[in-house]
Amino acid sequence: MAVFNNVESERQEVKAIYSKRLLAGDGWLHTLEPGQVLRIVDLEGNQAADTLFFNAEVPTDHYSAIKTIQKQKNIYLSTGSVLLSEMGTELVEIVADTCGRHDTLGGSCSAQSNTVRYAHETLPMHNCRDTYMLQLAKSDQYQHMQKRDLSPNVNFFMNVPVTLEGGLKFDDGVSAPGKYVEMRAITRTVVLISNCPQLNNPCNAYNPTPIQLLIWEG
């Protein structure tokens, strides 16, 4: 079920209303208004941008990997994919993509998953779930949210093939320096990103790197 639906964007960086360089391991919390377009740029290649989406009007209505996969009949995301919430709300649509395939099954790293996948010694290592919680804790609006509120995530630029036996593999990325994905907000959508600090699998060549975030008005 591979998909490589590469479509370049006509949007110019100089016309963006927002630009931020997000270092590896850092987090970002932002609300997109309907029609706004967010671009995530893989600056150095094969970085994983672990991203959560919430309906801003009903924050408990978060992104659903299951509903999204069922609707598009594909386990990978690319241009044309519409990300659905648990209540079936259309959150964002991918409108441009030069990487061509993004994972929605592999989940985000945590202290606990690191110990299961790698070794007990990885327990204190920086991880995405802690980054999410730090961003929520710093937000006046969402500081009440707890770990149980964290939803399934999208791993932009991450390569997680499904084996013939139905398992998941964490392989070398399929991205490259300067590749990007763009998504247009359909409804008011909260975007929460952890720029993955993972050092234990080849998703980012064992070298976490920065990403760039750009926003345009619709």
Protein backbone atom coordinates (compact mmCIF):
# COMPACT_ATOMS: atom_id res chain seq x y z
CA MET A 1 0.00 0.00 0.00
CA ALA A 2 2.87 2.37 -0.72
CA VAL A 3 1.99 5.84 -1.97
CA PHE A 4 4.27 8.48 -3.44
CA ASN A 5 1.94 11.28 -4.47
CA ASN A 6 4.49 14.05 -4.92
CA VAL A 7 2.99 17.47 -5.62
CA GLU A 8 4.96 20.71 -5.33
CA SER A 9 3.50 23.88 -3.83
CA GLU A 10 3.23 27.26 -5.52
CA ARG A 11 3.40 29.12 -2.19
CA GLN A 12 6.39 31.40 -1.70
CA GLU A 13 8.23 31.50 1.59
CA VAL A 14 8.49 35.29 1.53
CA LYS A 15 4.69 35.54 1.63
CA ALA A 16 4.30 33.36 4.72
CA ILE A 17 2.77 35.07 7.77
CA TYR A 18 4.72 32.87 10.17
CA SER A 19 8.10 31.13 10.14
CA LYS A 20 9.87 29.17 12.85
CA ARG A 21 12.91 26.90 12.94
CA LEU A 22 12.21 24.11 15.42
CA LEU A 23 15.25 22.36 16.85
CA ALA A 24 15.40 18.59 17.30
CA GLY A 25 13.70 17.65 20.56
CA ASP A 26 11.70 20.87 20.78
CA GLY A 27 7.91 21.13 20.66
CA TRP A 28 5.38 23.46 19.04
CA LEU A 29 1.72 24.14 19.82
CA HIS A 30 -0.36 26.27 17.45
CA THR A 31 -3.96 26.73 16.34
CA LEU A 32 -4.61 26.88 12.59
CA GLU A 33 -7.62 28.87 11.44
CA PRO A 34 -9.76 27.44 8.61
CA GLY A 35 -8.03 27.96 5.28
CA GLN A 36 -4.56 28.55 6.71
CA VAL A 37 -1.81 26.38 5.27
CA LEU A 38 1.00 24.88 7.33
CA ARG A 39 4.20 23.66 5.71
CA ILE A 40 6.64 21.41 7.59
CA VAL A 41 10.09 21.36 6.01
CA ASP A 42 12.60 18.56 6.60
CA LEU A 43 15.67 20.82 6.56
CA GLU A 44 18.44 18.20 6.61
CA GLY A 45 16.59 15.04 5.58
CA ASN A 46 15.06 12.00 7.30
CA GLN A 47 13.94 13.85 10.41
CA ALA A 48 10.65 12.68 11.99
CA ALA A 49 8.08 15.34 12.92
CA ASP A 50 5.65 13.61 15.31
CA THR A 51 2.40 15.56 15.05
CA LEU A 52 -0.92 15.52 16.90
CA PHE A 53 -4.12 17.19 15.69
CA PHE A 54 -7.14 18.27 17.77
CA ASN A 55 -10.43 19.92 16.88
CA ALA A 56 -9.95 23.37 18.45
CA GLU A 57 -13.67 23.68 19.19
CA VAL A 58 -13.82 20.25 20.90
CA PRO A 59 -10.27 19.38 22.03
CA THR A 60 -11.31 15.87 23.07
CA ASP A 61 -12.11 15.25 19.37
CA HIS A 62 -8.60 14.33 18.24
CA TYR A 63 -7.09 12.89 15.08
CA SER A 64 -8.10 9.30 14.33
CA ALA A 65 -5.65 7.13 12.44
CA ILE A 66 -8.31 4.43 12.04
CA LYS A 67 -10.98 6.69 10.52
CA THR A 68 -8.42 8.37 8.26
CA ILE A 69 -7.08 5.05 6.98
CA GLN A 70 -10.60 3.69 6.43
CA LYS A 71 -11.69 6.79 4.51
CA GLN A 72 -8.68 6.96 2.20
CA LYS A 73 -8.13 3.18 2.00
CA ASN A 74 -4.40 3.59 2.50
CA ILE A 75 -2.15 3.28 5.53
CA TYR A 76 0.18 6.06 4.36
CA LEU A 77 -0.50 9.78 3.99
CA SER A 78 0.34 12.04 1.06
CA THR A 79 -1.21 14.72 -1.15
CA GLY A 80 -4.98 14.44 -1.08
CA SER A 81 -5.15 12.74 2.31
CA VAL A 82 -7.81 14.25 4.60
CA LEU A 83 -7.10 13.73 8.29
CA LEU A 84 -10.27 12.86 10.19
CA SER A 85 -11.01 13.12 13.90
CA GLU A 86 -12.68 10.53 16.12
CA MET A 87 -16.03 12.25 15.49
CA GLY A 88 -15.43 12.23 11.74
CA THR A 89 -14.55 15.93 11.57
CA GLU A 90 -12.27 16.84 8.66
CA LEU A 91 -9.30 18.53 10.33
CA VAL A 92 -6.70 19.17 7.63
CA GLU A 93 -6.02 18.13 4.04
CA ILE A 94 -2.52 17.54 2.67
CA VAL A 95 -2.35 19.82 -0.37
CA ALA A 96 1.33 19.50 -1.33
CA ASP A 97 4.01 16.94 -0.57
CA THR A 98 7.51 16.49 -1.98
CA CYS A 99 8.38 13.54 0.26
CA GLY A 100 5.45 11.44 -0.90
CA ARG A 101 4.72 9.15 2.04
CA HIS A 102 4.16 9.66 5.76
CA ASP A 103 3.50 7.19 8.56
CA THR A 104 0.38 7.11 10.72
CA LEU A 105 0.91 3.75 12.46
CA GLY A 106 4.27 3.84 14.26
CA GLY A 107 3.24 6.09 17.13
CA SER A 108 5.48 8.48 19.04
CA CYS A 109 8.36 7.53 21.29
CA SER A 110 8.00 7.58 25.06
CA ALA A 111 10.21 6.65 27.98
CA GLN A 112 8.34 3.36 28.28
CA SER A 113 8.40 2.44 24.58
CA ASN A 114 12.12 3.23 24.41
CA THR A 115 12.85 0.67 27.13
CA VAL A 116 10.72 -1.97 25.35
CA ARG A 117 12.20 -1.36 21.90
CA TYR A 118 15.81 -0.75 22.87
CA ALA A 119 17.11 -1.08 26.44
CA HIS A 120 16.22 -0.14 30.00
CA GLU A 121 19.08 2.36 29.95
CA THR A 122 17.10 4.54 27.51
CA LEU A 123 14.43 5.31 30.14
CA PRO A 124 15.67 8.85 30.97
CA MET A 125 16.22 9.82 27.32
CA HIS A 126 14.30 12.74 25.82
CA ASN A 127 11.14 11.53 24.04
CA CYS A 128 8.15 12.85 22.11
CA ARG A 129 5.44 12.18 24.69
CA ASP A 130 7.32 14.22 27.28
CA THR A 131 7.72 17.01 24.72
CA TYR A 132 3.96 16.99 24.08
CA MET A 133 3.22 17.23 27.79
CA LEU A 134 5.67 20.10 28.25
CA GLN A 135 4.00 22.11 25.48
CA LEU A 136 0.53 21.47 26.93
CA ALA A 137 1.71 22.38 30.44
CA LYS A 138 3.00 25.74 29.18
CA SER A 139 -0.35 26.54 27.53
CA ASP A 140 -3.01 28.34 29.57
CA GLN A 141 -5.74 26.77 27.44
CA TYR A 142 -4.55 23.15 27.41
CA GLN A 143 -2.54 22.71 30.61
CA HIS A 144 -5.36 20.59 32.06
CA MET A 145 -4.71 17.85 29.48
CA GLN A 146 -2.93 14.72 30.66
CA LYS A 147 -1.08 11.84 29.03
CA ARG A 148 -4.35 9.97 28.53
CA ASP A 149 -5.46 12.86 26.29
CA LEU A 150 -2.60 12.33 23.85
CA SER A 151 -4.01 10.99 20.60
CA PRO A 152 -2.56 8.90 17.77
CA ASN A 153 -0.01 10.92 15.86
CA VAL A 154 1.29 11.34 12.33
CA ASN A 155 5.01 10.78 11.79
CA PHE A 156 5.76 13.16 8.95
CA PHE A 157 8.81 12.07 6.88
CA MET A 158 9.13 8.80 8.83
CA ASN A 159 9.39 5.46 7.00
CA VAL A 160 7.54 2.64 8.79
CA PRO A 161 6.91 -0.24 6.34
CA VAL A 162 4.41 -2.97 7.20
CA THR A 163 5.84 -6.47 6.91
CA LEU A 164 4.11 -9.39 5.21
CA GLU A 165 3.41 -10.75 8.67
CA GLY A 166 1.60 -7.53 9.65
CA GLY A 167 4.35 -6.10 11.83
CA LEU A 168 6.03 -2.68 11.64
CA LYS A 169 9.62 -1.86 10.74
CA PHE A 170 11.45 1.40 11.46
CA ASP A 171 13.59 1.87 8.35
CA ASP A 172 15.78 4.57 6.87
CA GLY A 173 13.71 7.57 5.88
CA VAL A 174 12.50 8.28 2.34
CA SER A 175 12.88 12.04 2.74
CA ALA A 176 15.81 14.31 1.87
CA PRO A 177 17.02 17.85 2.70
CA GLY A 178 14.39 20.44 1.79
CA LYS A 179 11.49 18.02 1.36
CA TYR A 180 8.22 19.32 2.76
CA VAL A 181 4.57 18.57 3.37
CA GLU A 182 1.79 21.17 3.32
CA MET A 183 -1.64 20.92 4.87
CA ARG A 184 -4.68 23.22 4.74
CA ALA A 185 -6.86 23.53 7.84
CA ILE A 186 -10.47 22.61 7.10
CA THR A 187 -11.71 23.40 10.59
CA ARG A 188 -10.04 25.25 13.46
CA THR A 189 -7.31 22.79 14.31
CA VAL A 190 -4.77 22.59 17.12
CA VAL A 191 -1.41 21.25 15.91
CA LEU A 192 1.05 19.84 18.46
CA ILE A 193 4.49 18.83 17.16
CA SER A 194 7.41 17.07 18.77
CA ASN A 195 10.45 17.31 16.53
CA CYS A 196 11.60 13.82 17.41
CA PRO A 197 14.83 13.47 19.45
CA GLN A 198 15.02 9.72 18.76
CA LEU A 199 18.62 8.40 18.70
CA ASN A 200 17.88 4.69 18.71
CA ASN A 201 16.39 3.89 15.31
CA PRO A 202 17.33 4.88 11.74
CA CYS A 203 14.24 7.05 11.10
CA ASN A 204 16.53 10.12 11.16
CA ALA A 205 19.87 8.37 10.55
CA TYR A 206 20.50 8.47 14.33
CA ASN A 207 20.95 12.23 14.00
CA PRO A 208 17.95 14.38 14.99
CA THR A 209 17.88 17.66 13.05
CA PRO A 210 15.75 20.85 12.86
CA ILE A 211 12.57 21.37 10.87
CA GLN A 212 11.02 24.61 9.63
CA LEU A 213 7.40 25.61 10.09
CA LEU A 214 5.69 28.08 7.75
CA ILE A 215 2.08 29.32 7.70
CA TRP A 216 0.18 31.13 4.95
CA GLU A 217 -3.28 32.65 4.99
CA GLY A 218 -5.80 30.78 2.87
